């Protein structure tokens, strides 16, 4: 019995060690049109430090902030009148998943007349144009 428990600990420790050594999965590349639009928008930011920070964002964050957030804001302003702020993702990388240059999924929040509300979303893209083709929510939680 002790031998089995020891083997389980060794196996678990080995699995954790191997997982820590595996490099993180690389994000998909943006299409040339998406890259051009993202770079153009970043170039319009007010300060050099803002441009530097935005230039270092992950591809998922760039797509969320520059391409999808305007679509999300328009979506929520229609669905929840009084919406004035929309955030896509958080500082946690798993809240935004760039599946391909065609789709971003994740979680976000909007602030409406009843406060902040969480939601999950899908943002579909046309990589040839660098444009959003659809923004849909897949669920919404109660306001906070």
C-alpha atoms as a PDB file:
ATOM      1  CA  UNK A   1       0.000   0.000   0.000  1.00  0.00           C
ATOM      2  CA  UNK A   2       2.804   2.422   0.846  1.00  0.00           C
ATOM      3  CA  UNK A   3       4.569   1.556  -2.391  1.00  0.00           C
ATOM      4  CA  UNK A   4       1.426   2.459  -4.422  1.00  0.00           C
ATOM      5  CA  UNK A   5       1.002   5.785  -2.579  1.00  0.00           C
ATOM      6  CA  UNK A   6       4.686   6.624  -3.160  1.00  0.00           C
ATOM      7  CA  UNK A   7       4.351   5.803  -6.846  1.00  0.00           C
ATOM      8  CA  UNK A   8       1.332   8.107  -7.083  1.00  0.00           C
ATOM      9  CA  UNK A   9       3.259  10.970  -5.468  1.00  0.00           C
ATOM     10  CA  UNK A  10       6.207  10.448  -7.811  1.00  0.00           C
ATOM     11  CA  UNK A  11       3.901  10.276 -10.844  1.00  0.00           C
ATOM     12  CA  UNK A  12       2.034  13.426  -9.794  1.00  0.00           C
ATOM     13  CA  UNK A  13       5.279  15.284  -9.087  1.00  0.00           C
ATOM     14  CA  UNK A  14       6.691  14.213 -12.460  1.00  0.00           C
ATOM     15  CA  UNK A  15       3.530  15.346 -14.270  1.00  0.00           C
ATOM     16  CA  UNK A  16       3.655  18.762 -12.562  1.00  0.00           C
ATOM     17  CA  UNK A  17       7.353  19.145 -13.352  1.00  0.00           C
ATOM     18  CA  UNK A  18       6.852  18.216 -17.010  1.00  0.00           C
ATOM     19  CA  UNK A  19       3.884  20.579 -17.334  1.00  0.00           C
ATOM     20  CA  UNK A  20       5.985  23.420 -15.945  1.00  0.00           C
ATOM     21  CA  UNK A  21       8.704  22.709 -18.537  1.00  0.00           C
ATOM     22  CA  UNK A  22       6.376  22.738 -21.547  1.00  0.00           C
ATOM     23  CA  UNK A  23       6.475  26.153 -23.213  1.00  0.00           C
ATOM     24  CA  UNK A  24       3.137  27.986 -23.344  1.00  0.00           C
ATOM     25  CA  UNK A  25       1.083  27.424 -26.478  1.00  0.00           C
ATOM     26  CA  UNK A  26       1.863  30.100 -29.036  1.00  0.00           C
ATOM     27  CA  UNK A  27      -1.008  32.292 -30.118  1.00  0.00           C
ATOM     28  CA  UNK A  28      -2.115  32.292 -33.728  1.00  0.00           C
ATOM     29  CA  UNK A  29      -0.634  35.026 -35.892  1.00  0.00           C
ATOM     30  CA  UNK A  30      -2.788  37.911 -37.036  1.00  0.00           C
ATOM     31  CA  UNK A  31      -3.527  38.234 -40.737  1.00  0.00           C
ATOM     32  CA  UNK A  32      -1.725  40.994 -42.665  1.00  0.00           C
ATOM     33  CA  UNK A  33      -4.924  43.097 -42.691  1.00  0.00           C
ATOM     34  CA  UNK A  34      -5.477  42.608 -38.950  1.00  0.00           C
ATOM     35  CA  UNK A  35      -1.840  43.462 -38.260  1.00  0.00           C
ATOM     36  CA  UNK A  36      -2.072  46.645 -40.339  1.00  0.00           C
ATOM     37  CA  UNK A  37      -5.213  47.835 -38.540  1.00  0.00           C
ATOM     38  CA  UNK A  38      -3.824  47.003 -35.093  1.00  0.00           C
ATOM     39  CA  UNK A  39      -0.539  48.804 -35.831  1.00  0.00           C
ATOM     40  CA  UNK A  40      -2.377  51.836 -37.238  1.00  0.00           C
ATOM     41  CA  UNK A  41      -4.568  52.117 -34.115  1.00  0.00           C
ATOM     42  CA  UNK A  42      -1.623  51.670 -31.764  1.00  0.00           C
ATOM     43  CA  UNK A  43       0.228  54.454 -33.607  1.00  0.00           C
ATOM     44  CA  UNK A  44      -2.632  56.844 -32.766  1.00  0.00           C
ATOM     45  CA  UNK A  45      -2.339  56.367 -28.990  1.00  0.00           C
ATOM     46  CA  UNK A  46      -1.492  59.608 -27.185  1.00  0.00           C
ATOM     47  CA  UNK A  47       1.781  58.833 -25.472  1.00  0.00           C
ATOM     48  CA  UNK A  48       4.899  56.874 -26.356  1.00  0.00           C
ATOM     49  CA  UNK A  49       4.483  54.783 -23.191  1.00  0.00           C
ATOM     50  CA  UNK A  50       0.889  53.896 -24.176  1.00  0.00           C
ATOM     51  CA  UNK A  51       2.103  52.879 -27.650  1.00  0.00           C
ATOM     52  CA  UNK A  52       4.894  50.778 -26.126  1.00  0.00           C
ATOM     53  CA  UNK A  53       2.539  48.984 -23.729  1.00  0.00           C
ATOM     54  CA  UNK A  54      -0.039  48.298 -26.454  1.00  0.00           C
ATOM     55  CA  UNK A  55       2.669  47.071 -28.812  1.00  0.00           C
ATOM     56  CA  UNK A  56       3.666  44.451 -26.233  1.00  0.00           C
ATOM     57  CA  UNK A  57       0.132  43.093 -25.746  1.00  0.00           C
ATOM     58  CA  UNK A  58      -0.552  39.507 -26.768  1.00  0.00           C
ATOM     59  CA  UNK A  59      -2.350  39.022 -30.092  1.00  0.00           C
ATOM     60  CA  UNK A  60      -5.527  38.112 -28.201  1.00  0.00           C
ATOM     61  CA  UNK A  61      -5.386  41.383 -26.232  1.00  0.00           C
ATOM     62  CA  UNK A  62      -4.713  43.398 -29.418  1.00  0.00           C
ATOM     63  CA  UNK A  63      -7.702  41.807 -31.158  1.00  0.00           C
ATOM     64  CA  UNK A  64      -9.893  42.292 -28.077  1.00  0.00           C
ATOM     65  CA  UNK A  65      -9.020  45.938 -27.517  1.00  0.00           C
ATOM     66  CA  UNK A  66      -8.678  47.208 -31.056  1.00  0.00           C
ATOM     67  CA  UNK A  67     -11.012  45.083 -33.163  1.00  0.00           C
ATOM     68  CA  UNK A  68     -13.622  43.490 -30.891  1.00  0.00           C
ATOM     69  CA  UNK A  69     -14.239  46.015 -28.121  1.00  0.00           C
ATOM     70  CA  UNK A  70     -15.870  48.605 -30.421  1.00  0.00           C
ATOM     71  CA  UNK A  71     -18.228  45.858 -31.672  1.00  0.00           C
ATOM     72  CA  UNK A  72     -18.891  44.740 -28.076  1.00  0.00           C
ATOM     73  CA  UNK A  73     -19.674  48.307 -27.024  1.00  0.00           C
ATOM     74  CA  UNK A  74     -22.140  48.754 -29.905  1.00  0.00           C
ATOM     75  CA  UNK A  75     -23.715  45.376 -29.093  1.00  0.00           C
ATOM     76  CA  UNK A  76     -24.251  46.198 -25.404  1.00  0.00           C
ATOM     77  CA  UNK A  77     -25.490  49.740 -26.079  1.00  0.00           C
ATOM     78  CA  UNK A  78     -28.297  48.165 -28.151  1.00  0.00           C
ATOM     79  CA  UNK A  79     -28.997  45.273 -25.756  1.00  0.00           C
ATOM     80  CA  UNK A  80     -28.635  47.197 -22.497  1.00  0.00           C
ATOM     81  CA  UNK A  81     -29.396  50.903 -22.927  1.00  0.00           C
ATOM     82  CA  UNK A  82     -27.291  53.017 -20.625  1.00  0.00           C
ATOM     83  CA  UNK A  83     -24.146  50.938 -21.190  1.00  0.00           C
ATOM     84  CA  UNK A  84     -21.134  53.221 -21.075  1.00  0.00           C
ATOM     85  CA  UNK A  85     -18.131  50.902 -20.561  1.00  0.00           C
ATOM     86  CA  UNK A  86     -17.155  47.475 -21.880  1.00  0.00           C
ATOM     87  CA  UNK A  87     -14.095  45.436 -20.955  1.00  0.00           C
ATOM     88  CA  UNK A  88     -12.991  42.263 -22.709  1.00  0.00           C
ATOM     89  CA  UNK A  89     -10.776  39.952 -20.689  1.00  0.00           C
ATOM     90  CA  UNK A  90      -8.858  40.656 -17.512  1.00  0.00           C
ATOM     91  CA  UNK A  91      -5.198  40.494 -16.573  1.00  0.00           C
ATOM     92  CA  UNK A  92      -5.559  36.683 -16.547  1.00  0.00           C
ATOM     93  CA  UNK A  93      -4.519  35.364 -19.976  1.00  0.00           C
ATOM     94  CA  UNK A  94      -7.154  32.615 -20.027  1.00  0.00           C
ATOM     95  CA  UNK A  95      -9.956  35.214 -20.211  1.00  0.00           C
ATOM     96  CA  UNK A  96      -9.158  35.881 -23.901  1.00  0.00           C
ATOM     97  CA  UNK A  97      -8.528  33.033 -26.341  1.00  0.00           C
ATOM     98  CA  UNK A  98      -7.500  33.834 -29.899  1.00  0.00           C
ATOM     99  CA  UNK A  99      -8.575  30.598 -31.569  1.00  0.00           C
ATOM    100  CA  UNK A 100      -7.400  31.742 -35.020  1.00  0.00           C
ATOM    101  CA  UNK A 101      -7.276  34.908 -37.083  1.00  0.00           C
ATOM    102  CA  UNK A 102     -11.011  34.232 -37.555  1.00  0.00           C
ATOM    103  CA  UNK A 103     -12.216  34.102 -33.918  1.00  0.00           C
ATOM    104  CA  UNK A 104     -11.636  35.467 -30.418  1.00  0.00           C
ATOM    105  CA  UNK A 105     -13.543  34.058 -27.455  1.00  0.00           C
ATOM    106  CA  UNK A 106     -13.495  35.014 -23.827  1.00  0.00           C
ATOM    107  CA  UNK A 107     -15.168  36.780 -20.970  1.00  0.00           C
ATOM    108  CA  UNK A 108     -15.916  40.418 -20.343  1.00  0.00           C
ATOM    109  CA  UNK A 109     -17.992  42.928 -18.424  1.00  0.00           C
ATOM    110  CA  UNK A 110     -20.226  45.809 -19.358  1.00  0.00           C
ATOM    111  CA  UNK A 111     -21.438  48.641 -17.152  1.00  0.00           C
ATOM    112  CA  UNK A 112     -25.067  49.517 -17.622  1.00  0.00           C
ATOM    113  CA  UNK A 113     -27.686  51.305 -15.585  1.00  0.00           C
ATOM    114  CA  UNK A 114     -27.810  48.380 -13.113  1.00  0.00           C
ATOM    115  CA  UNK A 115     -24.047  48.155 -12.610  1.00  0.00           C
ATOM    116  CA  UNK A 116     -21.458  45.718 -13.916  1.00  0.00           C
ATOM    117  CA  UNK A 117     -22.522  42.502 -15.649  1.00  0.00           C
ATOM    118  CA  UNK A 118     -20.257  39.596 -16.624  1.00  0.00           C
ATOM    119  CA  UNK A 119     -20.620  37.874 -19.980  1.00  0.00           C
ATOM    120  CA  UNK A 120     -18.904  35.360 -22.262  1.00  0.00           C
ATOM    121  CA  UNK A 121     -18.482  36.214 -25.916  1.00  0.00           C
ATOM    122  CA  UNK A 122     -17.439  35.158 -29.382  1.00  0.00           C
ATOM    123  CA  UNK A 123     -16.011  37.730 -31.768  1.00  0.00           C
ATOM    124  CA  UNK A 124     -15.801  36.523 -35.378  1.00  0.00           C
ATOM    125  CA  UNK A 125     -13.347  38.207 -37.734  1.00  0.00           C
ATOM    126  CA  UNK A 126     -12.745  38.504 -41.455  1.00  0.00           C
ATOM    127  CA  UNK A 127      -8.951  38.179 -41.685  1.00  0.00           C
ATOM    128  CA  UNK A 128      -8.879  39.455 -45.271  1.00  0.00           C
ATOM    129  CA  UNK A 129     -10.406  42.787 -44.189  1.00  0.00           C
ATOM    130  CA  UNK A 130      -9.259  42.892 -40.573  1.00  0.00           C
ATOM    131  CA  UNK A 131     -12.854  43.495 -39.544  1.00  0.00           C
ATOM    132  CA  UNK A 132     -15.356  42.052 -37.083  1.00  0.00           C
ATOM    133  CA  UNK A 133     -18.119  40.103 -38.810  1.00  0.00           C
ATOM    134  CA  UNK A 134     -20.104  39.163 -35.698  1.00  0.00           C
ATOM    135  CA  UNK A 135     -20.085  39.736 -31.955  1.00  0.00           C
ATOM    136  CA  UNK A 136     -22.254  37.442 -29.857  1.00  0.00           C
ATOM    137  CA  UNK A 137     -22.581  36.750 -26.182  1.00  0.00           C
ATOM    138  CA  UNK A 138     -22.864  33.166 -25.049  1.00  0.00           C
ATOM    139  CA  UNK A 139     -24.048  33.886 -21.514  1.00  0.00           C
ATOM    140  CA  UNK A 140     -24.555  36.691 -19.051  1.00  0.00           C
ATOM    141  CA  UNK A 141     -24.518  36.743 -15.270  1.00  0.00           C
ATOM    142  CA  UNK A 142     -26.381  38.918 -12.836  1.00  0.00           C
ATOM    143  CA  UNK A 143     -25.259  42.484 -12.243  1.00  0.00           C
ATOM    144  CA  UNK A 144     -22.863  43.234  -9.422  1.00  0.00           C
END
